Amino acid sequence: MAARGATTSLKRRAAPKAAKSPRRTQEERRRATQDAILKAAIDLLVEEGYARFSTIAVAKRAGVSRGARENYFPSKHDLIAAAWRAALVGAKEQAIRSAGAGGKSAVLRFLDDYESFYLSHVYMALMELQVAARTDPALSRLFHRLYAEHRQSHDDIWIDAMVAEGYARARVKAFLRSTQYLLRGMALTAVWHVPDADFRTALRQWREQAPQFLRGSAVPARARSRA
């Protein structure tokens, strides 16, 4: 028995110690807290809508104190602005990664990227804010400022990528706008839970028509004016 116990003891001593996870820096902890708060804000906008959105509920959802939330985002407006900006920055960073990837054509990568953004729960949260901005001057100013800062540069990533594949810039701009209108309509339809909505077929048909659209010679007057 003693020998057996000694063997067990040796085995225990010989077992390698689990590597300790490196301690996060103060900046990493700060970033993690901010990210948790912003994610909670997006999730609550989707689940509860803007009318029932509150900073208290966001802090509770994120698992942080009210003081911690106020330290990073002092007011409801500050929190909404940060969440909105983070969503747009995230979408733009994803576009940069997708545009630089190989494999599919830029047109197909663009369609994948915009579909994943406009039909996501993040865009559903942004729609809540966009609708509220219609009658809220402060939100309206925020919307237009963030749109000017981020959305056009997001579009330009894909415009340049498709132009690099040989398509005329005016046609690419018209195609991008048409895709946005199509996907925004789908996003609204998804919110309404229309039972017979067939997004898959519509998107497949749009993908099939994309090359012909982009090669077309007739450029809409509105597209020419934006070129």
Protein backbone atom coordinates (compact mmCIF):
# COMPACT_ATOMS: atom_id res chain seq x y z
CA MET A 1 0.00 0.00 0.00
CA ALA A 2 2.81 2.38 0.87
CA ALA A 3 4.54 1.70 -2.44
CA ARG A 4 1.35 2.28 -4.33
CA GLY A 5 0.80 5.55 -2.49
CA ALA A 6 4.34 6.65 -3.23
CA THR A 7 3.85 5.89 -6.94
CA THR A 8 0.66 7.91 -6.99
CA SER A 9 2.43 10.75 -5.24
CA LEU A 10 5.23 10.70 -7.82
CA LYS A 11 2.72 10.75 -10.66
CA ARG A 12 1.01 13.73 -9.17
CA ARG A 13 4.30 15.58 -8.81
CA ALA A 14 5.28 14.66 -12.36
CA ALA A 15 2.05 15.95 -13.89
CA PRO A 16 2.70 19.18 -15.79
CA LYS A 17 1.19 22.27 -14.33
CA ALA A 18 -1.49 23.99 -16.35
CA ALA A 19 -0.15 27.12 -17.97
CA LYS A 20 -1.55 30.25 -16.42
CA SER A 21 -3.40 32.58 -18.74
CA PRO A 22 -1.51 35.84 -19.11
CA ARG A 23 -3.07 38.63 -17.14
CA ARG A 24 -4.85 41.17 -19.28
CA THR A 25 -3.52 44.69 -19.30
CA GLN A 26 -5.61 47.55 -18.02
CA GLU A 27 -6.25 48.68 -21.59
CA GLU A 28 -7.42 45.18 -22.57
CA ARG A 29 -9.82 45.07 -19.61
CA ARG A 30 -11.05 48.53 -20.49
CA ARG A 31 -11.67 47.52 -24.10
CA ALA A 32 -13.43 44.31 -23.05
CA THR A 33 -15.78 46.27 -20.79
CA GLN A 34 -16.58 48.78 -23.52
CA ASP A 35 -17.20 46.00 -26.04
CA ALA A 36 -19.53 44.21 -23.62
CA ILE A 37 -21.53 47.41 -23.08
CA LEU A 38 -21.80 48.15 -26.80
CA LYS A 39 -22.84 44.57 -27.59
CA ALA A 40 -25.49 44.74 -24.88
CA ALA A 41 -26.78 48.00 -26.36
CA ILE A 42 -27.12 46.45 -29.83
CA ASP A 43 -28.82 43.33 -28.45
CA LEU A 44 -31.33 45.34 -26.43
CA LEU A 45 -32.20 47.57 -29.39
CA VAL A 46 -33.04 44.42 -31.35
CA GLU A 47 -34.98 42.74 -28.55
CA GLU A 48 -36.75 45.70 -26.93
CA GLY A 49 -36.71 48.45 -29.55
CA TYR A 50 -35.62 52.06 -29.10
CA ALA A 51 -38.73 53.04 -27.11
CA ARG A 52 -37.84 50.61 -24.30
CA PHE A 53 -34.08 51.08 -24.50
CA SER A 54 -32.41 52.24 -21.28
CA THR A 55 -28.86 52.63 -20.02
CA ILE A 56 -29.77 50.77 -16.80
CA ALA A 57 -30.87 47.72 -18.80
CA VAL A 58 -27.70 47.91 -20.90
CA ALA A 59 -25.46 47.90 -17.82
CA LYS A 60 -27.36 44.96 -16.35
CA ARG A 61 -27.17 43.04 -19.63
CA ALA A 62 -23.42 43.72 -19.91
CA GLY A 63 -22.79 42.67 -16.31
CA VAL A 64 -21.26 46.00 -15.29
CA SER A 65 -22.18 48.59 -12.69
CA ARG A 66 -23.98 51.79 -13.51
CA GLY A 67 -20.83 53.66 -12.54
CA ALA A 68 -18.72 51.65 -14.97
CA ARG A 69 -21.17 52.36 -17.78
CA GLU A 70 -21.22 56.07 -16.95
CA ASN A 71 -17.42 56.12 -16.87
CA TYR A 72 -17.29 55.12 -20.54
CA PHE A 73 -20.62 56.47 -21.82
CA PRO A 74 -21.93 59.25 -19.56
CA SER A 75 -25.32 59.62 -21.25
CA LYS A 76 -27.81 57.63 -23.28
CA HIS A 77 -26.88 59.69 -26.34
CA ASP A 78 -23.17 58.92 -25.82
CA LEU A 79 -23.93 55.21 -25.58
CA ILE A 80 -26.09 55.19 -28.70
CA ALA A 81 -23.51 57.18 -30.64
CA ALA A 82 -20.75 54.77 -29.64
CA ALA A 83 -22.83 51.68 -30.48
CA TRP A 84 -23.85 53.13 -33.83
CA ARG A 85 -20.28 54.08 -34.67
CA ALA A 86 -18.94 50.68 -33.60
CA ALA A 87 -21.47 48.92 -35.85
CA LEU A 88 -20.49 51.02 -38.88
CA VAL A 89 -16.75 50.68 -38.20
CA GLY A 90 -17.16 46.92 -37.82
CA ALA A 91 -19.00 46.72 -41.14
CA LYS A 92 -16.28 48.73 -42.87
CA GLU A 93 -13.48 46.60 -41.40
CA GLN A 94 -15.27 43.46 -42.57
CA ALA A 95 -15.57 44.96 -46.07
CA ILE A 96 -11.83 45.63 -46.15
CA ARG A 97 -11.11 42.01 -45.23
CA SER A 98 -13.62 40.66 -47.77
CA ALA A 99 -12.45 42.93 -50.58
CA GLY A 100 -8.86 41.79 -50.06
CA ALA A 101 -9.70 38.09 -50.01
CA GLY A 102 -9.16 35.86 -53.01
CA GLY A 103 -11.38 33.25 -54.58
CA LYS A 104 -14.68 34.71 -55.70
CA SER A 105 -15.03 37.73 -57.95
CA ALA A 106 -15.32 41.13 -56.30
CA VAL A 107 -18.98 41.26 -57.34
CA LEU A 108 -19.85 38.06 -55.48
CA ARG A 109 -17.76 39.05 -52.46
CA PHE A 110 -19.56 42.41 -52.41
CA LEU A 111 -22.96 40.70 -52.48
CA ASP A 112 -21.92 38.35 -49.68
CA ASP A 113 -20.66 41.25 -47.59
CA TYR A 114 -23.74 43.45 -48.01
CA GLU A 115 -26.13 40.54 -47.47
CA SER A 116 -24.39 39.63 -44.20
CA PHE A 117 -24.61 43.26 -43.02
CA TYR A 118 -28.14 44.25 -44.04
CA LEU A 119 -29.73 40.97 -42.95
CA SER A 120 -27.96 40.90 -39.58
CA HIS A 121 -29.28 41.68 -36.11
CA VAL A 122 -26.83 44.60 -36.01
CA TYR A 123 -28.59 46.28 -38.93
CA MET A 124 -31.93 45.59 -37.24
CA ALA A 125 -30.66 47.62 -34.28
CA LEU A 126 -29.56 50.40 -36.62
CA MET A 127 -33.01 50.45 -38.20
CA GLU A 128 -34.50 51.07 -34.76
CA LEU A 129 -32.26 54.11 -34.43
CA GLN A 130 -32.90 55.31 -37.99
CA VAL A 131 -36.66 55.24 -37.47
CA ALA A 132 -36.34 57.07 -34.15
CA ALA A 133 -34.09 59.67 -35.81
CA ARG A 134 -36.97 60.69 -38.08
CA THR A 135 -38.59 62.62 -35.21
CA ASP A 136 -35.61 63.09 -32.87
CA PRO A 137 -33.39 66.03 -33.97
CA ALA A 138 -30.40 64.90 -31.89
CA LEU A 139 -30.54 61.37 -33.31
CA SER A 140 -31.06 62.78 -36.79
CA ARG A 141 -27.90 64.88 -36.55
CA LEU A 142 -26.01 61.86 -35.23
CA PHE A 143 -27.31 59.68 -38.06
CA HIS A 144 -26.22 62.10 -40.79
CA ARG A 145 -22.82 62.68 -39.19
CA LEU A 146 -22.05 58.97 -38.82
CA TYR A 147 -23.37 58.21 -42.29
CA ALA A 148 -21.07 60.85 -43.78
CA GLU A 149 -18.10 59.57 -41.76
CA HIS A 150 -18.45 55.87 -42.50
CA ARG A 151 -21.01 54.75 -45.07
CA GLN A 152 -19.50 56.38 -48.15
CA SER A 153 -16.04 55.08 -47.34
CA HIS A 154 -17.57 51.62 -46.87
CA ASP A 155 -19.20 51.86 -50.30
CA ASP A 156 -15.96 53.11 -51.86
CA ILE A 157 -14.15 49.93 -50.82
CA TRP A 158 -16.45 47.87 -53.05
CA ILE A 159 -16.79 50.45 -55.80
CA ASP A 160 -13.01 50.47 -56.24
CA ALA A 161 -12.83 46.64 -56.08
CA MET A 162 -15.45 46.18 -58.82
CA VAL A 163 -13.98 48.94 -60.98
CA ALA A 164 -10.63 47.13 -60.72
CA GLU A 165 -12.31 44.11 -62.33
CA GLY A 166 -13.13 46.19 -65.38
CA TYR A 167 -16.64 47.52 -64.74
CA ALA A 168 -17.52 51.16 -65.42
CA ARG A 169 -17.65 53.25 -62.25
CA ALA A 170 -21.08 54.69 -63.03
CA ARG A 171 -22.53 51.19 -63.51
CA VAL A 172 -20.90 49.97 -60.31
CA LYS A 173 -22.41 52.85 -58.33
CA ALA A 174 -25.86 52.16 -59.78
CA PHE A 175 -25.49 48.45 -58.98
CA LEU A 176 -24.37 49.17 -55.41
CA ARG A 177 -27.31 51.51 -54.77
CA SER A 178 -29.79 49.04 -56.23
CA THR A 179 -28.35 46.31 -54.02
CA GLN A 180 -28.69 48.51 -50.97
CA TYR A 181 -32.34 49.28 -51.76
CA LEU A 182 -33.08 45.60 -52.30
CA LEU A 183 -31.46 44.52 -49.04
CA ARG A 184 -32.99 47.33 -46.98
CA GLY A 185 -36.39 46.23 -48.22
CA MET A 186 -35.59 42.67 -47.20
CA ALA A 187 -34.43 43.85 -43.78
CA LEU A 188 -37.76 45.61 -43.20
CA THR A 189 -39.67 42.58 -44.44
CA ALA A 190 -37.72 40.41 -41.99
CA VAL A 191 -38.77 42.70 -39.13
CA TRP A 192 -42.42 42.27 -40.10
CA HIS A 193 -42.06 38.46 -40.22
CA VAL A 194 -43.82 38.17 -43.59
CA PRO A 195 -44.51 34.42 -43.82
CA ASP A 196 -44.04 33.94 -47.58
CA ALA A 197 -40.91 36.08 -47.97
CA ASP A 198 -38.45 34.24 -50.22
CA PHE A 199 -35.16 36.07 -49.82
CA ARG A 200 -33.07 33.16 -51.04
CA THR A 201 -34.70 33.11 -54.50
CA ALA A 202 -34.61 36.90 -54.86
CA LEU A 203 -30.93 37.06 -53.92
CA ARG A 204 -30.05 34.20 -56.24
CA GLN A 205 -31.80 35.98 -59.14
CA TRP A 206 -30.02 39.24 -58.29
CA ARG A 207 -26.67 37.46 -58.34
CA GLU A 208 -27.47 35.95 -61.73
CA GLN A 209 -28.41 39.35 -63.16
CA ALA A 210 -25.41 41.18 -61.66
CA PRO A 211 -22.94 40.69 -64.57
CA GLN A 212 -25.47 41.86 -67.15
CA PHE A 213 -26.41 44.84 -64.99
CA LEU A 214 -22.78 45.83 -64.55
CA ARG A 215 -21.97 45.48 -68.25
CA GLY A 216 -25.01 47.50 -69.33
CA SER A 217 -24.40 50.59 -71.40
CA ALA A 218 -27.44 52.60 -70.33
CA VAL A 219 -26.55 54.44 -67.13
CA PRO A 220 -29.50 55.91 -65.21
CA ALA A 221 -29.53 59.71 -65.06
CA ARG A 222 -29.40 59.64 -61.28
CA ALA A 223 -26.31 57.44 -61.34
CA ARG A 224 -24.63 59.79 -63.83
CA SER A 225 -25.29 62.74 -61.57
CA ARG A 226 -23.58 60.95 -58.65
CA ALA A 227 -20.54 59.84 -60.63
